N, C-alpha and C. Protein backbone atom coordinates (compact mmCIF):
# COMPACT_ATOMS: atom_id res chain seq x y z
N UNK A 1 -16.17 -7.98 -6.24
CA UNK A 1 -14.72 -8.69 -6.33
C UNK A 1 -13.81 -7.83 -5.25
N UNK A 2 -13.18 -8.84 -4.39
CA UNK A 2 -12.40 -8.46 -3.43
C UNK A 2 -10.96 -7.91 -3.82
N UNK A 3 -10.39 -7.12 -3.18
CA UNK A 3 -9.01 -6.70 -3.28
C UNK A 3 -8.21 -7.65 -3.24
N UNK A 4 -6.97 -7.80 -4.24
CA UNK A 4 -6.01 -8.92 -3.91
C UNK A 4 -5.28 -8.52 -2.75
N UNK A 5 -4.97 -9.62 -1.91
CA UNK A 5 -4.41 -9.44 -0.40
C UNK A 5 -3.02 -8.92 -0.68
N UNK A 6 -2.33 -9.14 -1.70
CA UNK A 6 -1.02 -8.46 -1.82
C UNK A 6 -1.22 -7.03 -2.04
N UNK A 7 -1.91 -6.48 -2.82
CA UNK A 7 -2.17 -5.24 -3.24
C UNK A 7 -2.48 -4.43 -1.62
N UNK A 8 -3.47 -5.01 -0.80
CA UNK A 8 -3.90 -4.60 0.51
C UNK A 8 -2.68 -4.59 1.12
N UNK A 9 -1.88 -5.70 1.31
CA UNK A 9 -0.61 -5.40 2.12
C UNK A 9 0.26 -4.35 1.78
N UNK A 10 0.43 -4.05 0.41
CA UNK A 10 1.34 -3.00 0.01
C UNK A 10 0.82 -1.79 0.31
N UNK A 11 -0.54 -1.52 0.18
CA UNK A 11 -1.26 -0.44 0.69
C UNK A 11 -1.05 0.03 2.44
N UNK A 12 -1.16 -1.08 2.98
CA UNK A 12 -0.98 -1.09 4.38
C UNK A 12 0.46 -0.41 4.72
N UNK A 13 1.47 -1.09 4.06
CA UNK A 13 2.92 -0.72 4.12
C UNK A 13 3.06 0.70 3.90
N UNK A 14 2.38 1.22 2.71
CA UNK A 14 2.68 2.67 2.39
C UNK A 14 1.93 3.49 3.39
N UNK A 15 0.70 3.05 3.87
CA UNK A 15 0.11 3.71 5.06
C UNK A 15 1.21 4.02 6.21
N UNK A 16 1.75 2.86 6.65
CA UNK A 16 2.69 2.82 8.00
C UNK A 16 3.64 3.61 7.60
N UNK A 17 4.35 3.74 6.38
CA UNK A 17 5.51 4.43 6.09
C UNK A 17 5.12 6.12 6.24
N UNK A 18 4.11 6.26 5.40
CA UNK A 18 3.38 7.57 5.37
C UNK A 18 3.23 8.09 6.58
N UNK A 19 2.43 7.40 7.68
CA UNK A 19 2.07 8.01 9.01
C UNK A 19 3.48 8.27 9.64
N UNK A 20 4.45 7.33 9.43
CA UNK A 20 5.75 7.35 10.34
C UNK A 20 6.33 8.81 9.66
N UNK A 21 6.06 9.26 8.59
CA UNK A 21 6.87 10.33 8.12
C UNK A 21 5.98 11.57 8.38
N UNK A 22 4.82 11.24 9.04
CA UNK A 22 3.78 12.43 9.47
C UNK A 22 3.38 13.22 8.20
N UNK A 23 3.07 12.34 7.24
CA UNK A 23 2.52 12.95 5.91
C UNK A 23 1.15 12.75 5.80
N UNK A 24 0.43 13.43 5.23
CA UNK A 24 -0.96 13.39 4.67
C UNK A 24 -0.91 12.57 3.56
N UNK A 25 -2.14 11.91 3.02
CA UNK A 25 -2.13 11.40 1.77
C UNK A 25 -1.89 12.63 0.70
N UNK A 26 -2.42 13.75 0.91
CA UNK A 26 -2.21 14.98 -0.12
C UNK A 26 -0.59 15.14 -0.27
N UNK A 27 -0.13 15.20 0.78
CA UNK A 27 1.32 15.72 0.75
C UNK A 27 2.21 14.56 0.07
N UNK A 28 1.83 13.36 0.57
CA UNK A 28 2.76 12.09 -0.18
C UNK A 28 2.31 12.05 -1.56
N UNK A 29 0.88 12.35 -1.94
CA UNK A 29 0.71 12.19 -3.25
C UNK A 29 1.48 13.39 -4.11
N UNK A 30 1.55 14.42 -3.59
CA UNK A 30 2.05 15.68 -4.38
C UNK A 30 3.73 15.29 -4.48
N UNK A 31 4.44 14.88 -3.47
CA UNK A 31 5.66 14.55 -3.43
C UNK A 31 5.88 13.36 -4.52
N UNK A 32 5.05 12.35 -4.60
CA UNK A 32 5.15 11.17 -5.45
C UNK A 32 4.77 11.44 -6.88
N UNK A 33 4.18 12.48 -7.06
CA UNK A 33 3.75 12.98 -8.43
C UNK A 33 2.49 12.16 -8.84
N UNK A 34 1.62 11.88 -7.59
CA UNK A 34 0.43 11.10 -8.05
C UNK A 34 -0.87 11.86 -7.63
N UNK A 35 -1.91 11.63 -8.16
CA UNK A 35 -3.23 12.18 -7.77
C UNK A 35 -3.37 11.78 -6.39
N UNK A 36 -4.35 12.40 -5.57
CA UNK A 36 -4.56 12.10 -4.21
C UNK A 36 -5.44 10.92 -4.44
N UNK A 37 -6.27 10.83 -5.47
CA UNK A 37 -7.27 9.37 -5.69
C UNK A 37 -6.21 8.41 -5.97
N UNK A 38 -5.16 8.55 -6.81
CA UNK A 38 -4.25 7.22 -7.21
C UNK A 38 -3.68 6.81 -5.84
N UNK A 39 -3.26 7.53 -4.87
CA UNK A 39 -2.56 7.31 -3.83
C UNK A 39 -3.56 6.38 -3.02
N UNK A 40 -4.80 6.89 -2.92
CA UNK A 40 -5.88 6.50 -1.95
C UNK A 40 -6.20 5.05 -2.47
N UNK A 41 -6.37 4.86 -3.71
CA UNK A 41 -6.39 3.66 -4.27
C UNK A 41 -5.39 2.54 -3.93
N UNK A 42 -4.10 2.92 -4.03
CA UNK A 42 -3.13 2.25 -3.74
C UNK A 42 -3.04 1.86 -2.12
N UNK A 43 -3.34 2.95 -1.41
CA UNK A 43 -3.36 2.66 0.08
C UNK A 43 -4.52 1.62 0.61
N UNK A 44 -5.50 1.66 -0.10
CA UNK A 44 -6.75 0.73 0.09
C UNK A 44 -6.61 -0.64 -0.63
N UNK A 45 -5.48 -0.62 -1.50
CA UNK A 45 -5.27 -2.08 -2.16
C UNK A 45 -6.42 -2.27 -3.29
N UNK A 46 -6.78 -1.35 -3.86
CA UNK A 46 -7.87 -1.40 -4.66
C UNK A 46 -7.17 -1.35 -6.31
N UNK A 47 -6.01 -1.24 -6.19
CA UNK A 47 -5.29 -1.30 -7.65
C UNK A 47 -3.81 -1.78 -7.54
N UNK A 48 -3.40 -2.42 -8.58
CA UNK A 48 -1.99 -3.07 -8.55
C UNK A 48 -1.16 -1.66 -8.65
N UNK A 49 -0.37 -1.34 -7.79
CA UNK A 49 0.59 -0.15 -7.96
C UNK A 49 1.63 -0.42 -9.19
N UNK A 50 1.78 0.32 -9.93
CA UNK A 50 2.87 0.28 -10.88
C UNK A 50 4.35 0.61 -10.48
N UNK A 51 5.14 0.04 -10.88
CA UNK A 51 6.62 -0.08 -10.38
C UNK A 51 6.91 1.43 -10.43
N UNK A 52 6.84 2.48 -11.27
CA UNK A 52 7.02 3.68 -11.34
C UNK A 52 6.53 4.31 -10.19
N UNK A 53 5.26 4.14 -9.85
CA UNK A 53 4.44 4.65 -8.77
C UNK A 53 5.12 4.38 -7.37
N UNK A 54 5.59 2.98 -7.32
CA UNK A 54 6.20 2.57 -6.05
C UNK A 54 7.53 3.22 -5.87
N UNK A 55 8.42 3.34 -6.95
CA UNK A 55 9.69 3.92 -6.86
C UNK A 55 9.61 5.47 -6.51
N UNK A 56 8.51 6.22 -6.94
CA UNK A 56 8.36 7.55 -6.47
C UNK A 56 7.82 7.66 -5.18
N UNK A 57 6.66 6.90 -4.70
CA UNK A 57 6.56 6.84 -3.39
C UNK A 57 7.59 6.38 -2.49
N UNK A 58 8.34 5.38 -2.68
CA UNK A 58 9.45 5.22 -1.76
C UNK A 58 10.42 6.56 -1.70
N UNK A 59 10.75 6.89 -2.80
CA UNK A 59 11.47 8.37 -2.95
C UNK A 59 11.07 9.36 -1.93
N UNK A 60 9.71 9.50 -2.28
CA UNK A 60 8.93 10.61 -1.44
C UNK A 60 9.02 10.28 0.35
N UNK A 61 9.16 9.03 0.36
CA UNK A 61 8.96 8.45 1.87
C UNK A 61 10.50 8.64 2.42
N UNK A 62 11.41 8.97 1.40
CA UNK A 62 12.76 8.79 1.87
C UNK A 62 13.15 7.37 2.22
N UNK A 63 12.86 6.37 1.74
CA UNK A 63 13.15 4.96 1.94
C UNK A 63 13.59 4.42 0.76
N UNK A 64 14.13 3.11 0.62
CA UNK A 64 14.31 2.41 -0.38
C UNK A 64 13.15 1.56 -0.74
N UNK A 65 13.07 1.27 -1.99
CA UNK A 65 11.97 0.43 -2.48
C UNK A 65 11.78 -0.95 -1.70
N UNK A 66 13.10 -1.57 -1.70
CA UNK A 66 13.08 -2.96 -0.95
C UNK A 66 12.65 -3.16 0.45
N UNK A 67 12.88 -1.58 1.18
CA UNK A 67 12.07 -1.49 2.57
C UNK A 67 10.69 -1.56 2.45
N UNK A 68 10.06 -0.96 1.52
CA UNK A 68 8.62 -0.95 1.39
C UNK A 68 8.08 -2.32 1.02
N UNK A 69 8.64 -3.09 0.10
CA UNK A 69 8.40 -4.24 -0.22
C UNK A 69 8.61 -5.38 0.91
N UNK A 70 9.64 -5.11 1.51
CA UNK A 70 9.70 -5.95 2.62
C UNK A 70 8.70 -5.92 3.87
N UNK A 71 8.25 -4.59 4.26
CA UNK A 71 7.11 -4.66 4.99
C UNK A 71 5.88 -5.13 4.35
N UNK A 72 5.67 -5.07 3.15
CA UNK A 72 4.59 -5.64 2.48
C UNK A 72 4.58 -7.06 2.52
N UNK A 73 5.75 -7.60 2.36
CA UNK A 73 5.67 -9.15 2.42
C UNK A 73 5.42 -9.41 4.04
N UNK A 74 6.08 -8.87 4.90
CA UNK A 74 5.57 -9.17 6.38
C UNK A 74 4.28 -9.03 6.54
N UNK A 75 3.49 -8.19 6.22
CA UNK A 75 2.19 -7.86 6.21
C UNK A 75 1.20 -8.88 5.65
N UNK A 76 1.71 -9.25 4.49
CA UNK A 76 0.91 -10.34 3.79
C UNK A 76 1.07 -11.46 4.23
N UNK A 77 2.30 -11.95 4.82
CA UNK A 77 2.47 -13.14 5.64
C UNK A 77 1.34 -13.55 6.88
N UNK A 78 1.13 -12.32 7.46
CA UNK A 78 0.16 -12.37 8.54
C UNK A 78 -1.35 -12.28 8.13
N UNK A 79 -1.54 -11.94 7.08
CA UNK A 79 -2.98 -11.74 6.55
C UNK A 79 -3.56 -13.22 6.50
N UNK A 80 -4.84 -13.26 6.87
CA UNK A 80 -5.59 -14.40 6.63
C UNK A 80 -6.41 -13.98 5.39
N UNK A 81 -6.51 -14.88 4.26
CA UNK A 81 -7.28 -14.55 3.20
C UNK A 81 -8.00 -15.87 2.68
N UNK A 82 -9.37 -15.61 2.29
CA UNK A 82 -10.17 -14.49 2.57
C UNK A 82 -10.18 -14.19 3.93
N UNK A 83 -10.89 -13.27 4.54
CA UNK A 83 -11.08 -12.72 5.71
C UNK A 83 -12.11 -13.87 6.21
N UNK A 84 -12.23 -14.18 7.57
CA UNK A 84 -13.10 -15.08 8.12
C UNK A 84 -14.58 -14.76 7.97
N UNK A 85 -15.01 -13.55 7.78
CA UNK A 85 -16.36 -13.21 7.39
C UNK A 85 -16.45 -13.15 5.97
N UNK A 86 -15.69 -13.45 5.22
CA UNK A 86 -16.01 -13.42 3.70
C UNK A 86 -15.97 -14.86 3.14
N UNK A 87 -15.45 -15.90 3.89
CA UNK A 87 -15.34 -17.19 3.61
C UNK A 87 -16.71 -18.02 3.33
N UNK A 88 -16.85 -18.74 2.34
CA UNK A 88 -17.90 -19.60 2.07
C UNK A 88 -18.24 -20.49 3.12
N UNK A 89 -19.55 -20.56 3.56
CA UNK A 89 -19.91 -21.42 4.59
C UNK A 89 -20.21 -22.76 4.04
N UNK A 90 -19.73 -24.07 4.41
CA UNK A 90 -20.03 -25.23 3.88
C UNK A 90 -20.96 -25.98 4.64
């Protein structure tokens, strides 16, 4: 089963902001009161992040939640889904 493209876009947005803040996954997870595994799953788009998690991640990154969601939307708009190598051949 493929990851949902919106979850993937959100995960990419988290990674972009985390790297811009020069934080490791472990550091951000600790600040956001998440396990490193939970944050990793969110960043890879493997899970649908809960609103509470997103609020804590945003606060840990010192950004507003709408900023995170805005970047997620921009990334999602640029994604091609499914990826070309995963499309069914006719």
